[in-house]
N, C-alpha and C. Protein backbone atom coordinates (compact mmCIF):
# COMPACT_ATOMS: atom_id res chain seq x y z
N MET A 1 51.43 0.15 -16.25
CA MET A 1 50.44 0.09 -17.46
C MET A 1 49.60 -0.82 -17.34
N PRO A 2 48.39 -0.48 -17.94
CA PRO A 2 47.15 -1.83 -17.69
C PRO A 2 47.71 -2.86 -18.20
N THR A 3 46.69 -3.61 -18.42
CA THR A 3 47.60 -4.88 -18.93
C THR A 3 45.98 -5.37 -20.52
N GLU A 4 46.44 -5.76 -21.14
CA GLU A 4 45.65 -6.90 -21.99
C GLU A 4 44.39 -7.77 -21.80
N ASN A 5 45.03 -8.38 -20.68
CA ASN A 5 44.25 -9.18 -19.85
C ASN A 5 43.39 -8.58 -19.06
N LYS A 6 42.03 -8.98 -18.92
CA LYS A 6 41.06 -8.23 -18.12
C LYS A 6 39.64 -9.06 -18.04
N THR A 7 39.31 -8.63 -16.66
CA THR A 7 38.67 -9.74 -15.94
C THR A 7 37.56 -9.68 -16.88
N THR A 8 36.05 -10.65 -16.75
CA THR A 8 35.15 -11.27 -17.91
C THR A 8 34.21 -10.48 -17.58
N ASN A 9 33.88 -9.71 -16.50
CA ASN A 9 32.62 -9.36 -16.01
C ASN A 9 32.97 -7.46 -16.19
N LEU A 10 33.31 -7.41 -15.60
CA LEU A 10 33.62 -5.85 -15.09
C LEU A 10 35.08 -5.19 -16.01
N GLY A 11 35.92 -6.09 -16.38
CA GLY A 11 36.64 -5.37 -17.45
C GLY A 11 38.10 -5.03 -16.55
N LEU A 12 38.10 -4.96 -15.27
CA LEU A 12 39.40 -4.55 -14.38
C LEU A 12 40.68 -5.21 -14.88
N ASN A 13 41.95 -5.03 -14.52
CA ASN A 13 42.95 -5.51 -15.33
C ASN A 13 43.66 -6.68 -14.12
N SER A 14 43.43 -7.60 -14.94
CA SER A 14 44.19 -9.30 -14.57
C SER A 14 45.35 -8.79 -14.99
N TRP A 15 46.32 -8.32 -14.16
CA TRP A 15 48.32 -8.17 -14.53
C TRP A 15 48.71 -9.81 -14.41
N LEU A 16 49.41 -10.58 -15.50
CA LEU A 16 50.53 -11.06 -15.67
C LEU A 16 51.60 -10.92 -14.81
N GLY A 17 52.66 -11.96 -14.37
CA GLY A 17 53.35 -11.55 -13.66
C GLY A 17 54.45 -10.55 -14.14
N THR A 18 54.62 -10.52 -15.82
CA THR A 18 55.65 -9.62 -16.51
C THR A 18 54.92 -8.35 -16.54
N ASP A 19 53.17 -7.85 -15.87
CA ASP A 19 53.27 -6.63 -16.55
C ASP A 19 53.70 -5.40 -15.22
N LYS A 20 53.67 -4.25 -15.68
CA LYS A 20 54.48 -3.47 -14.43
C LYS A 20 53.37 -2.42 -14.09
N PRO A 21 51.85 -2.54 -13.22
CA PRO A 21 50.56 -1.60 -12.89
C PRO A 21 51.45 -0.66 -12.36
N LYS A 22 50.20 0.83 -13.04
CA LYS A 22 50.51 2.06 -12.46
C LYS A 22 49.76 2.38 -11.70
N ARG A 23 49.77 3.61 -10.70
CA ARG A 23 48.22 3.77 -9.78
C ARG A 23 47.83 4.29 -10.78
N SER A 24 47.46 4.74 -11.79
CA SER A 24 46.52 5.24 -12.41
C SER A 24 45.76 3.67 -13.25
N ASP A 25 46.42 2.81 -12.87
CA ASP A 25 45.68 1.24 -13.37
C ASP A 25 44.87 1.01 -12.32
N PHE A 26 45.17 0.95 -10.86
CA PHE A 26 44.43 0.58 -9.32
C PHE A 26 43.45 1.85 -9.66
N VAL A 27 43.71 3.28 -9.56
CA VAL A 27 43.03 4.34 -9.30
C VAL A 27 41.48 3.62 -10.59
N SER A 28 41.69 3.47 -11.65
CA SER A 28 40.63 3.22 -12.90
C SER A 28 40.11 2.26 -12.21
N ASP A 29 40.73 1.08 -11.60
CA ASP A 29 40.19 0.13 -11.16
C ASP A 29 38.48 0.28 -10.16
N ASN A 30 38.92 0.76 -9.31
CA ASN A 30 38.39 1.08 -7.78
C ASN A 30 37.42 2.16 -8.96
N THR A 31 37.08 2.97 -9.40
CA THR A 31 36.28 4.02 -10.55
C THR A 31 35.11 2.91 -10.89
N ILE A 32 35.61 1.80 -11.33
CA ILE A 32 34.81 1.03 -12.22
C ILE A 32 34.20 0.71 -10.93
N LEU A 33 34.80 -0.38 -9.94
CA LEU A 33 33.93 -1.06 -8.61
C LEU A 33 33.15 0.05 -8.16
N ASP A 34 33.93 1.26 -7.94
CA ASP A 34 32.53 1.84 -7.09
C ASP A 34 31.12 2.43 -8.18
N THR A 35 31.66 2.17 -9.25
CA THR A 35 30.19 2.77 -10.26
C THR A 35 29.92 1.82 -10.16
N VAL A 36 29.90 0.21 -10.37
CA VAL A 36 28.91 -0.64 -10.15
C VAL A 36 28.39 -0.98 -9.36
N ILE A 37 29.03 -1.20 -7.80
CA ILE A 37 28.68 -1.26 -6.57
C ILE A 37 27.44 -0.30 -6.43
N SER A 38 27.85 1.34 -6.42
CA SER A 38 26.95 2.23 -6.22
C SER A 38 25.46 1.75 -6.67
N ASN A 39 25.52 1.70 -8.31
CA ASN A 39 24.91 1.36 -9.00
C ASN A 39 23.36 -0.10 -8.57
N HIS A 40 24.64 -0.97 -8.24
CA HIS A 40 23.94 -2.18 -7.81
C HIS A 40 23.15 -1.97 -6.45
N LEU A 41 23.57 -1.22 -5.46
CA LEU A 41 23.29 -0.60 -4.14
C LEU A 41 21.69 -0.29 -4.69
N ASN A 42 21.86 1.06 -5.13
CA ASN A 42 20.89 2.05 -5.66
C ASN A 42 19.44 1.13 -6.80
N ASP A 43 19.74 0.26 -7.10
CA ASP A 43 18.82 -0.30 -7.81
C ASP A 43 17.77 -0.58 -6.94
N ASP A 44 16.76 0.13 -7.27
CA ASP A 44 15.55 -0.58 -6.02
C ASP A 44 14.50 -1.84 -6.77
N THR A 45 14.92 -1.76 -7.76
CA THR A 45 14.44 -3.13 -8.87
C THR A 45 15.15 -4.65 -8.18
N VAL A 46 15.99 -4.27 -7.30
CA VAL A 46 16.88 -5.38 -7.00
C VAL A 46 17.09 -5.28 -5.43
N HIS A 47 17.09 -4.28 -4.70
CA HIS A 47 17.06 -4.01 -3.46
C HIS A 47 15.64 -3.21 -3.18
N LEU A 48 15.00 -3.66 -1.42
CA LEU A 48 13.93 -2.55 -1.58
C LEU A 48 14.35 -1.78 -0.57
N THR A 49 13.65 -0.35 -0.77
CA THR A 49 14.13 0.41 0.05
C THR A 49 13.18 0.57 1.13
N GLU A 50 13.31 1.18 2.39
CA GLU A 50 13.22 1.12 3.92
C GLU A 50 11.54 1.07 3.64
N GLU A 51 10.91 2.15 2.86
CA GLU A 51 9.40 2.45 2.68
C GLU A 51 9.04 0.66 2.22
N MET A 52 9.47 0.41 1.27
CA MET A 52 8.80 -1.05 0.82
C MET A 52 9.47 -2.23 1.66
N LYS A 53 10.22 -2.03 2.56
CA LYS A 53 10.20 -3.22 3.57
C LYS A 53 9.17 -3.00 4.24
N ALA A 54 8.93 -1.97 4.78
CA ALA A 54 7.71 -1.51 5.89
C ALA A 54 6.48 -1.84 5.62
N LEU A 55 6.31 -2.06 3.96
CA LEU A 55 4.88 -2.20 3.44
C LEU A 55 4.97 -3.70 2.87
N LEU A 56 5.61 -4.71 3.18
CA LEU A 56 5.82 -6.17 2.87
C LEU A 56 5.24 -6.59 4.23
N GLU A 57 6.29 -5.45 5.82
CA GLU A 57 6.34 -6.08 7.24
C GLU A 57 5.21 -6.34 7.77
N ASN A 58 4.19 -4.65 7.23
CA ASN A 58 2.81 -4.62 7.73
C ASN A 58 1.85 -3.81 6.23
N PRO A 59 1.74 -5.00 5.62
CA PRO A 59 0.66 -4.39 4.58
C PRO A 59 -0.69 -3.84 4.63
N PHE A 60 -1.14 -3.95 5.66
CA PHE A 60 -2.73 -3.47 6.23
C PHE A 60 -2.84 -2.72 7.82
N THR A 61 -3.28 -2.15 8.22
CA THR A 61 -4.55 -2.00 9.27
C THR A 61 -5.60 -2.08 9.47
N ILE A 62 -5.77 -2.35 10.78
CA ILE A 62 -6.55 -2.64 11.34
C ILE A 62 -7.21 -2.26 12.44
N GLY A 63 -8.41 -1.46 12.47
CA GLY A 63 -8.93 -0.50 13.49
C GLY A 63 -10.22 -0.56 13.58
N VAL A 64 -11.25 0.45 14.67
CA VAL A 64 -12.10 0.60 15.34
C VAL A 64 -13.03 2.12 15.00
N LEU A 65 -13.85 2.21 13.99
CA LEU A 65 -14.23 2.97 14.09
C LEU A 65 -16.28 3.04 14.48
N SER A 66 -16.31 4.87 15.15
CA SER A 66 -17.60 4.61 15.62
C SER A 66 -18.26 5.13 14.90
N GLY A 67 -19.75 5.09 14.89
CA GLY A 67 -20.95 5.80 14.21
C GLY A 67 -21.68 6.84 14.96
N ASN A 68 -22.41 7.61 14.17
CA ASN A 68 -22.50 8.90 14.88
C ASN A 68 -24.02 9.04 14.43
N GLY A 69 -24.83 8.40 13.64
CA GLY A 69 -26.25 8.52 12.90
C GLY A 69 -26.29 9.98 12.06
N GLU A 70 -25.10 10.09 11.82
CA GLU A 70 -25.26 11.51 10.92
C GLU A 70 -25.05 11.24 9.47
N ALA A 71 -25.52 11.74 8.35
CA ALA A 71 -25.79 11.26 6.97
C ALA A 71 -24.46 10.83 6.25
N SER A 72 -23.21 11.27 6.85
CA SER A 72 -21.74 10.93 6.66
C SER A 72 -21.14 11.03 7.79
N LYS A 73 -19.89 10.76 7.64
CA LYS A 73 -18.49 11.00 8.94
C LYS A 73 -17.18 10.40 8.07
N ASP A 74 -16.49 11.58 7.90
CA ASP A 74 -15.18 11.66 7.64
C ASP A 74 -14.28 10.87 8.58
N HIS A 75 -13.45 9.83 8.11
CA HIS A 75 -12.59 9.25 8.77
C HIS A 75 -11.43 9.16 8.37
N THR A 76 -10.04 9.98 8.70
CA THR A 76 -8.90 10.92 8.82
C THR A 76 -7.98 9.01 9.08
N LEU A 77 -7.43 8.61 8.43
CA LEU A 77 -6.42 7.40 8.38
C LEU A 77 -5.26 8.13 8.01
N SER A 78 -4.09 7.38 8.78
CA SER A 78 -2.72 7.76 9.10
C SER A 78 -1.72 7.84 7.90
N PHE A 79 -2.89 6.81 7.03
CA PHE A 79 -1.90 7.15 5.51
C PHE A 79 -2.90 6.68 4.17
N PHE A 80 -2.69 6.67 3.03
CA PHE A 80 -3.31 6.97 1.90
C PHE A 80 -3.53 5.41 1.35
N PRO A 81 -4.61 4.67 2.12
CA PRO A 81 -4.84 3.17 1.77
C PRO A 81 -5.49 2.91 -0.10
N ARG A 82 -5.18 1.87 -0.26
CA ARG A 82 -5.30 1.17 -1.61
C ARG A 82 -7.10 0.76 -1.76
N CYS A 83 -6.85 0.29 -0.58
CA CYS A 83 -8.20 -0.08 -0.51
C CYS A 83 -8.98 -0.17 0.94
N VAL A 84 -10.07 -0.46 1.16
CA VAL A 84 -10.47 -0.42 2.89
C VAL A 84 -11.80 -1.31 2.45
N LEU A 85 -11.70 -2.28 3.41
CA LEU A 85 -13.10 -3.33 3.77
C LEU A 85 -13.62 -2.70 5.46
N VAL A 86 -14.77 -2.01 5.45
CA VAL A 86 -15.24 -1.49 6.16
C VAL A 86 -16.54 -2.85 6.86
N PHE A 87 -17.05 -3.38 8.44
CA PHE A 87 -17.77 -3.73 8.20
C PHE A 87 -18.38 -3.69 10.00
N LEU A 88 -19.43 -4.02 10.19
CA LEU A 88 -20.34 -3.33 11.63
C LEU A 88 -19.74 -4.66 12.37
N ARG A 89 -19.44 -4.66 13.68
CA ARG A 89 -19.19 -5.48 14.77
C ARG A 89 -21.02 -6.15 14.78
N ASN A 90 -20.83 -7.69 15.09
CA ASN A 90 -21.41 -8.53 15.57
C ASN A 90 -22.49 -7.96 14.87
N ALA A 91 -22.53 -8.09 13.14
CA ALA A 91 -23.67 -8.21 12.21
C ALA A 91 -22.95 -8.66 10.69
N PRO A 92 -23.78 -9.34 10.51
CA PRO A 92 -23.76 -9.89 8.82
C PRO A 92 -23.19 -8.98 8.16
N PHE A 93 -22.52 -9.19 7.02
CA PHE A 93 -22.20 -8.34 5.70
C PHE A 93 -23.13 -7.42 5.36
N VAL A 94 -24.26 -8.06 5.33
CA VAL A 94 -25.64 -7.74 4.19
C VAL A 94 -26.55 -8.79 4.97
N GLU A 95 -27.92 -7.77 5.69
CA GLU A 95 -28.74 -9.03 5.80
C GLU A 95 -29.88 -8.20 4.71
N TYR A 96 -31.49 -9.11 5.10
CA TYR A 96 -32.67 -8.64 4.73
C TYR A 96 -33.73 -8.04 5.47
N ASP A 97 -34.06 -7.37 5.60
CA ASP A 97 -34.96 -6.79 6.18
C ASP A 97 -36.58 -7.60 5.74
N SER A 98 -36.99 -8.52 6.04
CA SER A 98 -38.07 -8.97 5.13
C SER A 98 -39.47 -8.64 5.75
N SER A 99 -39.66 -7.45 6.71
CA SER A 99 -40.80 -7.23 7.04
C SER A 99 -40.79 -5.71 6.49
N ASN A 100 -40.10 -5.03 6.32
CA ASN A 100 -40.12 -4.18 4.94
C ASN A 100 -39.60 -4.16 4.02
N GLY A 101 -39.10 -5.33 3.60
CA GLY A 101 -38.49 -5.80 2.26
C GLY A 101 -37.47 -5.32 1.44
N TYR A 102 -36.34 -4.54 2.54
CA TYR A 102 -34.99 -4.39 1.90
C TYR A 102 -33.78 -4.84 2.16
N THR A 103 -32.28 -4.92 1.59
CA THR A 103 -31.36 -5.02 2.18
C THR A 103 -30.93 -4.07 3.32
N ILE A 104 -30.29 -4.55 4.31
CA ILE A 104 -29.40 -3.50 4.87
C ILE A 104 -28.18 -3.80 4.84
N CYS A 105 -27.18 -2.98 4.53
CA CYS A 105 -25.69 -2.98 3.85
C CYS A 105 -25.19 -2.88 5.50
N ASN A 106 -24.30 -3.68 5.78
CA ASN A 106 -23.88 -3.41 6.94
C ASN A 106 -22.18 -3.53 6.86
N SER A 107 -21.70 -3.32 5.59
CA SER A 107 -20.36 -3.40 5.03
C SER A 107 -20.27 -2.76 3.59
N ALA A 108 -19.02 -2.70 3.42
CA ALA A 108 -18.56 -1.31 2.18
C ALA A 108 -16.99 -1.86 2.17
N VAL A 109 -16.76 -2.12 1.23
CA VAL A 109 -14.98 -2.28 0.19
C VAL A 109 -15.04 -1.18 -1.10
N VAL A 110 -14.38 -0.05 -0.89
CA VAL A 110 -13.60 0.39 -1.50
C VAL A 110 -12.42 0.69 -1.67
N ALA A 111 -12.31 1.25 -3.01
CA ALA A 111 -10.81 1.27 -3.98
C ALA A 111 -10.19 2.78 -3.83
N ALA A 112 -9.60 2.89 -3.59
CA ALA A 112 -8.45 4.14 -3.91
C ALA A 112 -8.20 4.75 -5.26
N ASP A 113 -8.40 5.77 -5.70
CA ASP A 113 -8.07 6.82 -6.60
C ASP A 113 -9.19 6.36 -7.60
N GLY A 114 -9.98 6.52 -7.24
CA GLY A 114 -11.27 6.18 -7.86
C GLY A 114 -11.96 5.04 -8.61
N GLY A 115 -11.04 3.75 -7.90
CA GLY A 115 -11.07 2.45 -8.24
C GLY A 115 -12.42 2.30 -7.87
N GLY A 116 -13.30 3.05 -7.50
CA GLY A 116 -14.96 2.39 -7.33
C GLY A 116 -15.16 1.82 -5.75
N GLY A 117 -16.37 1.46 -5.53
CA GLY A 117 -16.30 0.37 -4.61
C GLY A 117 -18.16 0.05 -3.92
N THR A 118 -18.44 -0.13 -3.13
CA THR A 118 -20.25 -0.76 -2.50
C THR A 118 -20.54 0.86 -2.43
N LEU A 119 -21.82 0.09 -2.56
CA LEU A 119 -22.36 1.91 -1.69
C LEU A 119 -22.18 2.10 -0.44
N GLY A 120 -22.11 3.44 -0.08
CA GLY A 120 -22.28 3.96 1.45
C GLY A 120 -20.63 4.47 1.67
N ALA A 121 -20.05 4.37 0.79
CA ALA A 121 -18.16 4.32 1.62
C ALA A 121 -17.82 5.18 -0.07
N SER A 122 -17.12 5.80 0.67
CA SER A 122 -16.12 6.53 -0.24
C SER A 122 -14.72 6.59 0.39
N LEU A 123 -13.52 6.97 -0.98
CA LEU A 123 -12.35 6.92 -0.02
C LEU A 123 -11.44 7.99 -1.48
N PHE A 124 -10.60 8.98 -0.52
CA PHE A 124 -10.32 9.94 -1.30
C PHE A 124 -9.01 10.32 -0.15
N LEU A 125 -7.88 10.14 -1.18
CA LEU A 125 -6.58 10.17 -0.40
C LEU A 125 -6.66 9.09 1.20
N ASP A 126 -6.55 10.00 2.23
CA ASP A 126 -5.89 9.34 3.23
C ASP A 126 -8.04 9.16 4.09
N THR A 127 -8.70 10.01 3.31
CA THR A 127 -9.82 10.31 4.23
C THR A 127 -11.35 9.34 3.78
N LEU A 128 -11.70 8.19 4.55
CA LEU A 128 -12.54 7.30 4.42
C LEU A 128 -14.31 7.88 5.00
N THR A 129 -15.21 7.83 4.02
CA THR A 129 -16.19 8.28 4.40
C THR A 129 -17.58 7.51 4.04
N LEU A 130 -18.24 7.17 5.81
CA LEU A 130 -19.34 5.84 5.54
C LEU A 130 -20.47 7.21 5.63
N SER A 131 -21.74 6.54 4.97
CA SER A 131 -22.75 7.07 5.30
C SER A 131 -23.72 6.38 6.28
N GLN A 132 -24.89 6.98 6.39
CA GLN A 132 -25.80 6.03 6.92
C GLN A 132 -27.41 6.44 6.46
N SER A 133 -28.14 5.53 6.04
CA SER A 133 -29.24 5.84 5.55
C SER A 133 -30.49 6.48 6.64
N THR A 134 -31.59 6.97 6.13
CA THR A 134 -32.40 7.63 7.48
C THR A 134 -33.13 6.66 6.84
N SER A 135 -33.41 6.28 5.26
CA SER A 135 -34.48 5.37 4.60
C SER A 135 -33.86 4.43 3.62
N ALA A 136 -34.90 3.36 3.15
CA ALA A 136 -33.98 2.68 2.13
C ALA A 136 -34.92 2.70 1.05
N SER A 137 -33.56 3.17 0.44
CA SER A 137 -33.55 3.19 -1.13
C SER A 137 -33.51 2.20 -2.19
N ASN A 138 -34.34 2.59 -3.50
CA ASN A 138 -33.99 1.14 -4.30
C ASN A 138 -33.59 -0.31 -3.70
N GLY A 139 -34.72 -0.48 -2.33
CA GLY A 139 -34.07 -1.49 -1.88
C GLY A 139 -33.01 -2.18 -0.97
N ARG A 140 -32.16 -1.03 -0.63
CA ARG A 140 -31.16 -0.86 0.32
C ARG A 140 -31.35 0.06 1.24
N PHE A 141 -30.40 -0.27 2.65
CA PHE A 141 -30.50 0.48 3.60
C PHE A 141 -29.50 0.44 3.49
N ILE A 142 -28.39 2.18 3.88
CA ILE A 142 -26.84 1.68 4.10
C ILE A 142 -26.71 2.20 5.64
N ASN A 143 -26.07 1.74 6.47
CA ASN A 143 -25.87 1.28 7.71
C ASN A 143 -24.47 1.04 8.35
N LEU A 144 -23.67 2.29 7.94
CA LEU A 144 -22.07 2.41 7.76
C LEU A 144 -22.00 3.62 9.06
N ASN A 145 -22.97 3.71 9.38
CA ASN A 145 -22.72 4.93 10.60
C ASN A 145 -23.33 5.08 11.86
N LYS A 146 -24.20 4.25 11.88
CA LYS A 146 -25.36 4.01 13.08
C LYS A 146 -24.64 4.50 14.15
N SER A 147 -25.81 5.21 14.86
CA SER A 147 -25.02 5.93 16.32
C SER A 147 -25.11 5.07 17.10
N GLY A 148 -23.49 5.48 17.72
CA GLY A 148 -23.23 4.15 19.08
C GLY A 148 -22.80 3.05 18.40
N ALA A 149 -22.41 2.57 17.29
CA ALA A 149 -21.85 1.35 16.25
C ALA A 149 -20.96 1.54 16.27
N GLN A 150 -20.00 0.49 16.58
CA GLN A 150 -18.95 0.03 16.05
C GLN A 150 -18.68 -0.84 14.99
N TYR A 151 -17.45 -0.35 13.87
CA TYR A 151 -17.11 -0.86 12.89
C TYR A 151 -16.02 -0.70 13.05
N PHE A 152 -15.62 -2.27 12.51
CA PHE A 152 -14.12 -2.89 12.20
C PHE A 152 -13.74 -2.19 10.78
N TYR A 153 -12.71 -2.24 10.45
CA TYR A 153 -11.95 -1.89 9.31
C TYR A 153 -10.45 -2.42 8.63
N ILE A 154 -10.40 -2.92 7.51
CA ILE A 154 -9.23 -3.10 7.02
C ILE A 154 -8.73 -2.19 6.48
N ALA A 155 -7.53 -1.50 6.29
CA ALA A 155 -7.10 -0.59 5.44
C ALA A 155 -5.98 -1.07 4.68
N PHE A 156 -5.77 -1.61 3.21
CA PHE A 156 -4.69 -2.48 2.63
C PHE A 156 -3.69 -1.00 2.00
N LYS A 157 -2.20 -1.45 2.41
CA LYS A 157 -1.53 -0.59 2.24
C LYS A 157 -0.82 -0.43 0.40
């Protein structure tokens, strides 16, 4: 029979030498242990899932994109990034063309889920779209899809 003495945390039987436990007492204690341990192991706030562990080990991806000179080009990534930073290889992020009086934008930052970003880039699910100007507009020339140019990107998961 179950004892009046119980463990502090789980309420398991803590028999005295004079108690006479029955099989049902052990089954009851095992059920409590199984429930508590299962709930603990399945608790994502205490334990990380494999997906969460992978994200911590590789929080971003770095790659290279090629421009084709068209007004815009879509690049499909292998996951849905939260944020992407793109910049033209061997060029400053932004430069000023003093002879023509406009700023050349060689980089962009864009956030997922309509989070906004800089001119010339957009992000929808796993698709990064980069634009290329043919002429300056409002004092800016977007230079994110220049023909033959290489662009580095960092996509944050």
